[in-house]
């Protein structure tokens, strides 16, 4: 993929990276380790200080709204990677994604909420590079009443 192609594709899809990923505290957003791997800590859907939806999926938040939240989470992941790496062109592959979905007990269709995240990555990086293995976990609550939060493991070009 040519230099800047991911960000150009992002603009074509009508999205922009937030200036910086949401969150703060006593942690780093990205930690490189091993031989060309990087872990991106949990990113929520808050973009530039605004949270479009709050609460549990299946209660206060619809599945379609949760899919939008998952897209916003990916934008924060990409922002964290760009700030850390200098360029998204260093991302070779999205290896693994864990998606946490705040929902009431018994909510069975939460993987559909996570589909928004993998959809965007596939659009930006293609199926081979962008679609990771994925685990979706239902929880009763997330920080700041986020409906969705996700973390990823990426492989980097050296």
Protein backbone atom coordinates (compact mmCIF):
# COMPACT_ATOMS: atom_id res chain seq x y z
CA UNK A 1 0.00 0.00 0.00
CA UNK A 2 1.40 3.36 -0.97
CA UNK A 3 2.34 6.02 1.57
CA UNK A 4 -0.75 7.63 3.11
CA UNK A 5 -3.19 5.32 1.28
CA UNK A 6 -4.95 4.25 4.48
CA UNK A 7 -5.67 7.83 5.52
CA UNK A 8 -6.80 8.71 2.00
CA UNK A 9 -9.21 5.75 2.03
CA UNK A 10 -10.43 6.87 5.47
CA UNK A 11 -11.27 10.31 4.04
CA UNK A 12 -13.03 8.70 1.05
CA UNK A 13 -15.24 6.79 3.52
CA UNK A 14 -16.11 10.06 5.26
CA UNK A 15 -14.04 9.57 8.42
CA UNK A 16 -11.15 11.43 9.99
CA UNK A 17 -8.74 10.41 12.70
CA UNK A 18 -9.25 12.13 16.04
CA UNK A 19 -6.40 14.44 17.03
CA UNK A 20 -5.50 11.99 19.78
CA UNK A 21 -7.09 8.81 21.06
CA UNK A 22 -9.55 9.09 23.93
CA UNK A 23 -8.56 8.17 27.42
CA UNK A 24 -5.83 8.98 29.79
CA UNK A 25 -4.35 7.72 32.96
CA UNK A 26 -1.31 5.77 33.97
CA UNK A 27 -0.76 3.73 30.82
CA UNK A 28 0.45 4.02 27.24
CA UNK A 29 -1.83 3.54 24.26
CA UNK A 30 0.64 1.44 22.25
CA UNK A 31 3.37 -0.90 23.41
CA UNK A 32 5.71 -2.59 20.94
CA UNK A 33 7.13 -5.98 21.90
CA UNK A 34 8.66 -9.14 20.50
CA UNK A 35 9.63 -9.24 16.87
CA UNK A 36 7.48 -6.60 15.17
CA UNK A 37 4.33 -6.71 17.30
CA UNK A 38 2.40 -3.92 18.99
CA UNK A 39 -0.45 -4.04 21.46
CA UNK A 40 -2.99 -1.20 21.45
CA UNK A 41 -4.71 -0.80 24.82
CA UNK A 42 -8.47 -0.58 25.13
CA UNK A 43 -9.98 2.24 23.09
CA UNK A 44 -13.52 3.48 23.58
CA UNK A 45 -15.78 5.32 21.14
CA UNK A 46 -15.26 8.86 22.42
CA UNK A 47 -14.06 11.10 19.56
CA UNK A 48 -12.39 14.42 20.39
CA UNK A 49 -14.23 14.60 23.72
CA UNK A 50 -17.68 13.61 22.40
CA UNK A 51 -19.46 10.34 23.08
CA UNK A 52 -22.39 9.75 20.72
CA UNK A 53 -23.98 6.90 22.71
CA UNK A 54 -23.90 5.79 26.35
CA UNK A 55 -25.10 2.68 28.11
CA UNK A 56 -25.75 -0.96 27.41
CA UNK A 57 -26.30 -2.45 23.98
CA UNK A 58 -29.80 -3.90 23.88
CA UNK A 59 -31.03 -1.45 26.51
CA UNK A 60 -30.10 2.22 25.90
CA UNK A 61 -28.07 1.57 22.73
CA UNK A 62 -29.24 -0.26 19.59
CA UNK A 63 -27.09 -2.76 17.72
CA UNK A 64 -26.69 -0.30 14.84
CA UNK A 65 -25.55 2.42 17.27
CA UNK A 66 -23.13 -0.09 18.82
CA UNK A 67 -21.70 -0.82 15.35
CA UNK A 68 -21.08 2.93 14.98
CA UNK A 69 -19.38 2.91 18.38
CA UNK A 70 -17.12 0.08 17.21
CA UNK A 71 -16.14 2.18 14.18
CA UNK A 72 -15.32 5.08 16.52
CA UNK A 73 -13.20 2.73 18.65
CA UNK A 74 -11.20 1.78 15.54
CA UNK A 75 -10.64 5.46 14.76
CA UNK A 76 -9.10 5.83 18.22
CA UNK A 77 -6.96 2.72 17.65
CA UNK A 78 -5.72 4.15 14.37
CA UNK A 79 -5.03 7.52 15.98
CA UNK A 80 -2.99 5.82 18.72
CA UNK A 81 -1.04 3.81 16.14
CA UNK A 82 -0.33 6.84 13.98
CA UNK A 83 0.88 8.89 16.96
CA UNK A 84 3.12 6.05 18.12
CA UNK A 85 4.42 4.82 14.76
CA UNK A 86 4.41 8.05 12.77
CA UNK A 87 2.53 6.39 9.92
CA UNK A 88 -0.22 3.81 9.52
CA UNK A 89 1.82 2.41 6.64
CA UNK A 90 3.92 0.56 9.25
CA UNK A 91 0.93 -1.69 10.06
CA UNK A 92 1.45 -5.02 8.34
CA UNK A 93 -1.57 -6.83 9.74
CA UNK A 94 -4.25 -6.68 12.41
CA UNK A 95 -3.68 -9.98 14.20
CA UNK A 96 -6.20 -10.11 17.05
CA UNK A 97 -9.04 -7.96 18.32
CA UNK A 98 -10.94 -8.25 21.58
CA UNK A 99 -14.22 -6.35 21.68
CA UNK A 100 -16.01 -5.65 24.95
CA UNK A 101 -19.71 -4.86 24.67
CA UNK A 102 -21.66 -3.47 27.62
CA UNK A 103 -24.98 -5.31 27.63
CA UNK A 104 -27.63 -6.82 29.88
CA UNK A 105 -27.27 -10.50 30.81
CA UNK A 106 -28.49 -12.80 28.08
CA UNK A 107 -27.77 -10.44 25.16
CA UNK A 108 -26.68 -12.98 22.53
CA UNK A 109 -26.12 -10.96 19.37
CA UNK A 110 -23.22 -8.82 20.59
CA UNK A 111 -20.81 -10.07 17.88
CA UNK A 112 -22.91 -8.03 15.41
CA UNK A 113 -21.87 -4.89 17.33
CA UNK A 114 -18.22 -5.80 16.82
CA UNK A 115 -18.75 -6.15 13.07
CA UNK A 116 -18.49 -2.36 12.69
CA UNK A 117 -14.85 -2.53 13.78
CA UNK A 118 -13.81 -5.32 11.43
CA UNK A 119 -15.81 -3.76 8.58
CA UNK A 120 -13.81 -0.52 8.80
CA UNK A 121 -10.45 -2.28 9.06
CA UNK A 122 -11.27 -4.41 6.02
CA UNK A 123 -12.25 -1.30 4.04
CA UNK A 124 -8.99 0.43 4.95
CA UNK A 125 -6.44 -2.38 4.85
CA UNK A 126 -8.10 -5.12 2.78
CA UNK A 127 -9.22 -8.53 3.98
CA UNK A 128 -5.75 -10.07 4.36
CA UNK A 129 -4.23 -7.22 6.40
CA UNK A 130 -7.30 -5.74 8.06
CA UNK A 131 -9.47 -8.60 9.29
CA UNK A 132 -8.10 -10.01 12.56
CA UNK A 133 -9.10 -12.96 14.65
CA UNK A 134 -11.71 -11.65 17.06
CA UNK A 135 -13.27 -12.33 20.41
CA UNK A 136 -16.39 -10.49 21.58
CA UNK A 137 -17.12 -10.39 25.30
CA UNK A 138 -20.31 -9.15 26.93
CA UNK A 139 -19.85 -7.20 30.17
CA UNK A 140 -22.33 -5.33 32.35
CA UNK A 141 -20.42 -2.03 32.29
CA UNK A 142 -17.46 -0.28 30.71
CA UNK A 143 -15.58 2.89 31.71
CA UNK A 144 -17.45 6.15 31.18
CA UNK A 145 -20.59 4.20 30.19
CA UNK A 146 -19.04 3.21 26.85
CA UNK A 147 -21.25 0.75 24.95
CA UNK A 148 -18.18 -0.74 23.22
CA UNK A 149 -14.44 -0.84 23.83
CA UNK A 150 -11.78 -2.75 21.93
CA UNK A 151 -8.13 -3.65 22.01
CA UNK A 152 -5.94 -4.97 19.21
CA UNK A 153 -2.67 -6.72 18.51
CA UNK A 154 -0.94 -5.68 15.30
CA UNK A 155 2.05 -6.90 13.34
CA UNK A 156 4.37 -4.17 12.08
CA UNK A 157 6.62 -3.84 9.10
CA UNK A 158 10.17 -3.49 10.35
